[in-house]
Amino acid sequence: MNIKEKLEKYRFDDPQLLQEMTDALKKTYYKYVDEDSLNQPEFKQDIEDHLFKRYHNTLFNYVPWIMECFGSLTQMLKYNTDFLLSNW
């Protein structure tokens, strides 16, 4: 199983959670934007970017790259911990 297949279980596509987060963004980040504007395609795209596109991009592009560079998250953490302890 490759890295991307292992990360698949961390996909973010729970409809209820997405709706709750959308509502939270509308109440906080977009609180001064009227509802009509929020229903425009540009705002819908921005909300989607905030909610999951950046997360999925990180999960399926950056995390595999980091894991390939360091071998695994466990090895990376061990390396960083050993490094920090040896230089304390």
C-alpha atoms as a PDB file:
ATOM      1  CA  MET A   1       0.000   0.000   0.000  1.00  0.00           C
ATOM      2  CA  ASN A   2       1.497   3.365  -0.980  1.00  0.00           C
ATOM      3  CA  ILE A   3       1.482   6.514   1.140  1.00  0.00           C
ATOM      4  CA  LYS A   4      -1.495   8.120  -0.606  1.00  0.00           C
ATOM      5  CA  GLU A   5      -3.590   4.976  -0.120  1.00  0.00           C
ATOM      6  CA  LYS A   6      -2.726   4.953   3.595  1.00  0.00           C
ATOM      7  CA  LEU A   7      -3.771   8.604   3.901  1.00  0.00           C
ATOM      8  CA  GLU A   8      -7.110   8.011   2.175  1.00  0.00           C
ATOM      9  CA  LYS A   9      -8.755   7.219   5.532  1.00  0.00           C
ATOM     10  CA  TYR A  10      -8.101  10.823   6.586  1.00  0.00           C
ATOM     11  CA  ARG A  11     -10.236  12.298   3.802  1.00  0.00           C
ATOM     12  CA  PHE A  12     -12.482  15.085   4.950  1.00  0.00           C
ATOM     13  CA  ASP A  13     -15.886  14.523   3.420  1.00  0.00           C
ATOM     14  CA  ASP A  14     -18.412  14.207   6.253  1.00  0.00           C
ATOM     15  CA  PRO A  15     -21.417  16.279   5.002  1.00  0.00           C
ATOM     16  CA  GLN A  16     -22.656  17.166   8.487  1.00  0.00           C
ATOM     17  CA  LEU A  17     -19.229  18.351   9.621  1.00  0.00           C
ATOM     18  CA  LEU A  18     -18.770  20.328   6.397  1.00  0.00           C
ATOM     19  CA  GLN A  19     -22.108  22.066   6.980  1.00  0.00           C
ATOM     20  CA  GLU A  20     -21.237  22.869  10.605  1.00  0.00           C
ATOM     21  CA  MET A  21     -17.904  24.317   9.543  1.00  0.00           C
ATOM     22  CA  THR A  22     -19.538  26.300   6.732  1.00  0.00           C
ATOM     23  CA  ASP A  23     -22.001  27.762   9.223  1.00  0.00           C
ATOM     24  CA  ALA A  24     -19.150  28.604  11.604  1.00  0.00           C
ATOM     25  CA  LEU A  25     -17.228  30.386   8.828  1.00  0.00           C
ATOM     26  CA  LYS A  26     -20.332  32.378   7.913  1.00  0.00           C
ATOM     27  CA  LYS A  27     -20.780  33.448  11.547  1.00  0.00           C
ATOM     28  CA  THR A  28     -17.137  34.399  12.069  1.00  0.00           C
ATOM     29  CA  TYR A  29     -14.917  34.949   9.029  1.00  0.00           C
ATOM     30  CA  TYR A  30     -17.752  36.126   6.782  1.00  0.00           C
ATOM     31  CA  LYS A  31     -19.927  37.763   9.434  1.00  0.00           C
ATOM     32  CA  TYR A  32     -20.016  41.106   7.598  1.00  0.00           C
ATOM     33  CA  VAL A  33     -20.944  39.575   4.237  1.00  0.00           C
ATOM     34  CA  ASP A  34     -24.648  39.416   3.369  1.00  0.00           C
ATOM     35  CA  GLU A  35     -26.281  36.066   2.560  1.00  0.00           C
ATOM     36  CA  ASP A  36     -26.859  36.948  -1.106  1.00  0.00           C
ATOM     37  CA  SER A  37     -23.137  37.517  -1.610  1.00  0.00           C
ATOM     38  CA  LEU A  38     -22.292  34.291   0.207  1.00  0.00           C
ATOM     39  CA  ASN A  39     -24.399  32.403  -2.332  1.00  0.00           C
ATOM     40  CA  GLN A  40     -22.341  33.738  -5.252  1.00  0.00           C
ATOM     41  CA  PRO A  41     -20.000  31.221  -6.930  1.00  0.00           C
ATOM     42  CA  GLU A  42     -16.875  33.150  -5.832  1.00  0.00           C
ATOM     43  CA  PHE A  43     -17.780  32.920  -2.164  1.00  0.00           C
ATOM     44  CA  LYS A  44     -18.822  29.291  -2.445  1.00  0.00           C
ATOM     45  CA  GLN A  45     -15.430  28.542  -3.992  1.00  0.00           C
ATOM     46  CA  ASP A  46     -13.660  30.443  -1.212  1.00  0.00           C
ATOM     47  CA  ILE A  47     -15.585  28.551   1.461  1.00  0.00           C
ATOM     48  CA  GLU A  48     -14.725  25.225  -0.189  1.00  0.00           C
ATOM     49  CA  ASP A  49     -11.065  26.281  -0.314  1.00  0.00           C
ATOM     50  CA  HIS A  50     -11.144  27.093   3.393  1.00  0.00           C
ATOM     51  CA  LEU A  51     -12.969  23.938   4.396  1.00  0.00           C
ATOM     52  CA  PHE A  52     -11.306  21.103   2.616  1.00  0.00           C
ATOM     53  CA  LYS A  53      -9.374  21.821  -0.576  1.00  0.00           C
ATOM     54  CA  ARG A  54      -6.321  23.140   1.272  1.00  0.00           C
ATOM     55  CA  TYR A  55      -6.523  20.237   3.715  1.00  0.00           C
ATOM     56  CA  HIS A  56      -6.751  17.655   0.921  1.00  0.00           C
ATOM     57  CA  ASN A  57      -3.934  19.344  -0.968  1.00  0.00           C
ATOM     58  CA  THR A  58      -1.745  19.126   2.119  1.00  0.00           C
ATOM     59  CA  LEU A  59      -2.814  15.574   2.913  1.00  0.00           C
ATOM     60  CA  PHE A  60      -2.267  14.150  -0.553  1.00  0.00           C
ATOM     61  CA  ASN A  61       0.678  16.245  -1.758  1.00  0.00           C
ATOM     62  CA  TYR A  62       2.777  17.634   1.082  1.00  0.00           C
ATOM     63  CA  VAL A  63       2.451  14.823   3.626  1.00  0.00           C
ATOM     64  CA  PRO A  64       3.521  12.103   1.149  1.00  0.00           C
ATOM     65  CA  TRP A  65       6.459  14.264   0.063  1.00  0.00           C
ATOM     66  CA  ILE A  66       7.552  14.781   3.689  1.00  0.00           C
ATOM     67  CA  MET A  67       7.137  11.066   4.411  1.00  0.00           C
ATOM     68  CA  GLU A  68       9.236  10.187   1.368  1.00  0.00           C
ATOM     69  CA  CYS A  69      11.945  12.596   2.514  1.00  0.00           C
ATOM     70  CA  PHE A  70      12.028  11.352   6.110  1.00  0.00           C
ATOM     71  CA  GLY A  71      10.969   7.722   5.615  1.00  0.00           C
ATOM     72  CA  SER A  72       8.057   7.937   8.019  1.00  0.00           C
ATOM     73  CA  LEU A  73       6.525  10.282  10.520  1.00  0.00           C
ATOM     74  CA  THR A  74       7.815   8.106  13.355  1.00  0.00           C
ATOM     75  CA  GLN A  75      11.368   8.302  12.045  1.00  0.00           C
ATOM     76  CA  MET A  76      11.044  12.041  11.519  1.00  0.00           C
ATOM     77  CA  LEU A  77       9.808  12.574  15.079  1.00  0.00           C
ATOM     78  CA  LYS A  78      12.522  10.337  16.484  1.00  0.00           C
ATOM     79  CA  TYR A  79      15.174  12.201  14.481  1.00  0.00           C
ATOM     80  CA  ASN A  80      13.907  15.599  15.653  1.00  0.00           C
ATOM     81  CA  THR A  81      13.579  14.432  19.258  1.00  0.00           C
ATOM     82  CA  ASP A  82      17.080  12.924  19.244  1.00  0.00           C
ATOM     83  CA  PHE A  83      18.450  16.070  17.666  1.00  0.00           C
ATOM     84  CA  LEU A  84      16.769  18.347  20.204  1.00  0.00           C
ATOM     85  CA  LEU A  85      17.849  16.231  23.160  1.00  0.00           C
ATOM     86  CA  SER A  86      21.441  15.995  21.962  1.00  0.00           C
ATOM     87  CA  ASN A  87      21.644  19.772  21.544  1.00  0.00           C
ATOM     88  CA  TRP A  88      19.919  20.772  24.767  1.00  0.00           C
END
